Amino acid sequence: MKAAKKFATQIEESVLKELKKFVKQEDRKISAVVTEALSEYLDKRKVRPAFRSAMNEVLDDNAELLERLAK
């Protein structure tokens, strides 16, 4: 992990509970998961809007199949 810088924010209580459960199950640190999630989110937002729209449509249309494959 690159050098980290502290910052403060607020998060919905239900999301924080899920995050804490997730990091415990994965044996990871909250900061690592938040950094990864934000990086992925920002990268996704950089993708051209037309491509993003088409990609989301394909993912939505195949959500059940993708979920089964993930198991």
C-alpha atoms as a PDB file:
ATOM      1  CA  MET A   1       0.000   0.000   0.000  1.00  0.00           C
ATOM      2  CA  LYS A   2       1.255   3.475  -0.850  1.00  0.00           C
ATOM      3  CA  ALA A   3       1.697   6.130   1.811  1.00  0.00           C
ATOM      4  CA  ALA A   4      -1.671   6.856   3.375  1.00  0.00           C
ATOM      5  CA  LYS A   5      -3.126  10.132   4.551  1.00  0.00           C
ATOM      6  CA  LYS A   6      -5.795  10.415   7.242  1.00  0.00           C
ATOM      7  CA  PHE A   7      -9.167  11.960   6.508  1.00  0.00           C
ATOM      8  CA  ALA A   8     -12.532  11.937   8.233  1.00  0.00           C
ATOM      9  CA  THR A   9     -15.971  11.367   6.769  1.00  0.00           C
ATOM     10  CA  GLN A  10     -19.358  10.058   7.744  1.00  0.00           C
ATOM     11  CA  ILE A  11     -21.017   6.860   6.594  1.00  0.00           C
ATOM     12  CA  GLU A  12     -24.463   5.395   7.082  1.00  0.00           C
ATOM     13  CA  GLU A  13     -24.570   3.152  10.133  1.00  0.00           C
ATOM     14  CA  SER A  14     -25.865   0.149   8.178  1.00  0.00           C
ATOM     15  CA  VAL A  15     -23.051   0.457   5.630  1.00  0.00           C
ATOM     16  CA  LEU A  16     -20.466   0.731   8.397  1.00  0.00           C
ATOM     17  CA  LYS A  17     -21.824  -2.418  10.052  1.00  0.00           C
ATOM     18  CA  GLU A  18     -21.559  -4.323   6.759  1.00  0.00           C
ATOM     19  CA  LEU A  19     -18.057  -2.959   6.195  1.00  0.00           C
ATOM     20  CA  LYS A  20     -16.892  -4.049   9.648  1.00  0.00           C
ATOM     21  CA  LYS A  21     -18.375  -7.518   9.117  1.00  0.00           C
ATOM     22  CA  PHE A  22     -16.711  -7.766   5.700  1.00  0.00           C
ATOM     23  CA  VAL A  23     -13.230  -6.720   6.859  1.00  0.00           C
ATOM     24  CA  LYS A  24     -13.412  -9.157   9.746  1.00  0.00           C
ATOM     25  CA  GLN A  25     -14.358 -12.033   7.413  1.00  0.00           C
ATOM     26  CA  GLU A  26     -11.650 -11.073   4.913  1.00  0.00           C
ATOM     27  CA  ASP A  27      -9.028 -10.320   7.595  1.00  0.00           C
ATOM     28  CA  ARG A  28      -8.371  -6.914   6.058  1.00  0.00           C
ATOM     29  CA  LYS A  29      -8.194  -3.361   7.321  1.00  0.00           C
ATOM     30  CA  ILE A  30     -11.026  -0.901   6.790  1.00  0.00           C
ATOM     31  CA  SER A  31      -8.628   1.598   5.233  1.00  0.00           C
ATOM     32  CA  ALA A  32      -7.485  -0.944   2.632  1.00  0.00           C
ATOM     33  CA  VAL A  33     -11.043  -1.866   1.653  1.00  0.00           C
ATOM     34  CA  VAL A  34     -12.167   1.772   1.495  1.00  0.00           C
ATOM     35  CA  THR A  35      -9.123   2.710  -0.601  1.00  0.00           C
ATOM     36  CA  GLU A  36      -9.785  -0.184  -2.996  1.00  0.00           C
ATOM     37  CA  ALA A  37     -13.491   0.624  -3.252  1.00  0.00           C
ATOM     38  CA  LEU A  38     -12.897   4.323  -3.897  1.00  0.00           C
ATOM     39  CA  SER A  39     -10.198   3.580  -6.472  1.00  0.00           C
ATOM     40  CA  GLU A  40     -12.519   1.210  -8.328  1.00  0.00           C
ATOM     41  CA  TYR A  41     -15.361   3.741  -8.157  1.00  0.00           C
ATOM     42  CA  LEU A  42     -13.196   6.568  -9.496  1.00  0.00           C
ATOM     43  CA  ASP A  43     -11.788   4.376 -12.273  1.00  0.00           C
ATOM     44  CA  LYS A  44     -15.307   3.348 -13.245  1.00  0.00           C
ATOM     45  CA  ARG A  45     -16.439   6.980 -13.395  1.00  0.00           C
ATOM     46  CA  LYS A  46     -13.631   7.778 -15.860  1.00  0.00           C
ATOM     47  CA  VAL A  47     -15.007   5.354 -18.436  1.00  0.00           C
ATOM     48  CA  ARG A  48     -16.810   7.050 -21.312  1.00  0.00           C
ATOM     49  CA  PRO A  49     -20.515   7.507 -20.506  1.00  0.00           C
ATOM     50  CA  ALA A  50     -21.752   5.609 -23.594  1.00  0.00           C
ATOM     51  CA  PHE A  51     -19.560   2.612 -22.801  1.00  0.00           C
ATOM     52  CA  ARG A  52     -20.539   2.752 -19.131  1.00  0.00           C
ATOM     53  CA  SER A  53     -24.216   2.787 -20.074  1.00  0.00           C
ATOM     54  CA  ALA A  54     -23.815  -0.224 -22.377  1.00  0.00           C
ATOM     55  CA  MET A  55     -21.747  -2.066 -19.773  1.00  0.00           C
ATOM     56  CA  ASN A  56     -24.334  -1.444 -17.053  1.00  0.00           C
ATOM     57  CA  GLU A  57     -27.090  -2.686 -19.347  1.00  0.00           C
ATOM     58  CA  VAL A  58     -25.218  -5.930 -20.017  1.00  0.00           C
ATOM     59  CA  LEU A  59     -24.467  -6.387 -16.311  1.00  0.00           C
ATOM     60  CA  ASP A  60     -28.107  -5.755 -15.385  1.00  0.00           C
ATOM     61  CA  ASP A  61     -29.380  -8.103 -18.079  1.00  0.00           C
ATOM     62  CA  ASN A  62     -27.056 -10.870 -16.866  1.00  0.00           C
ATOM     63  CA  ALA A  63     -27.074 -10.195 -13.118  1.00  0.00           C
ATOM     64  CA  GLU A  64     -28.525 -13.598 -12.198  1.00  0.00           C
ATOM     65  CA  LEU A  65     -26.016 -15.483 -14.330  1.00  0.00           C
ATOM     66  CA  LEU A  66     -23.096 -13.428 -13.000  1.00  0.00           C
ATOM     67  CA  GLU A  67     -24.226 -14.037  -9.437  1.00  0.00           C
ATOM     68  CA  ARG A  68     -24.376 -17.790 -10.025  1.00  0.00           C
ATOM     69  CA  LEU A  69     -20.917 -17.729 -11.627  1.00  0.00           C
ATOM     70  CA  ALA A  70     -19.528 -15.845  -8.653  1.00  0.00           C
ATOM     71  CA  LYS A  71     -20.534 -18.695  -6.344  1.00  0.00           C
END
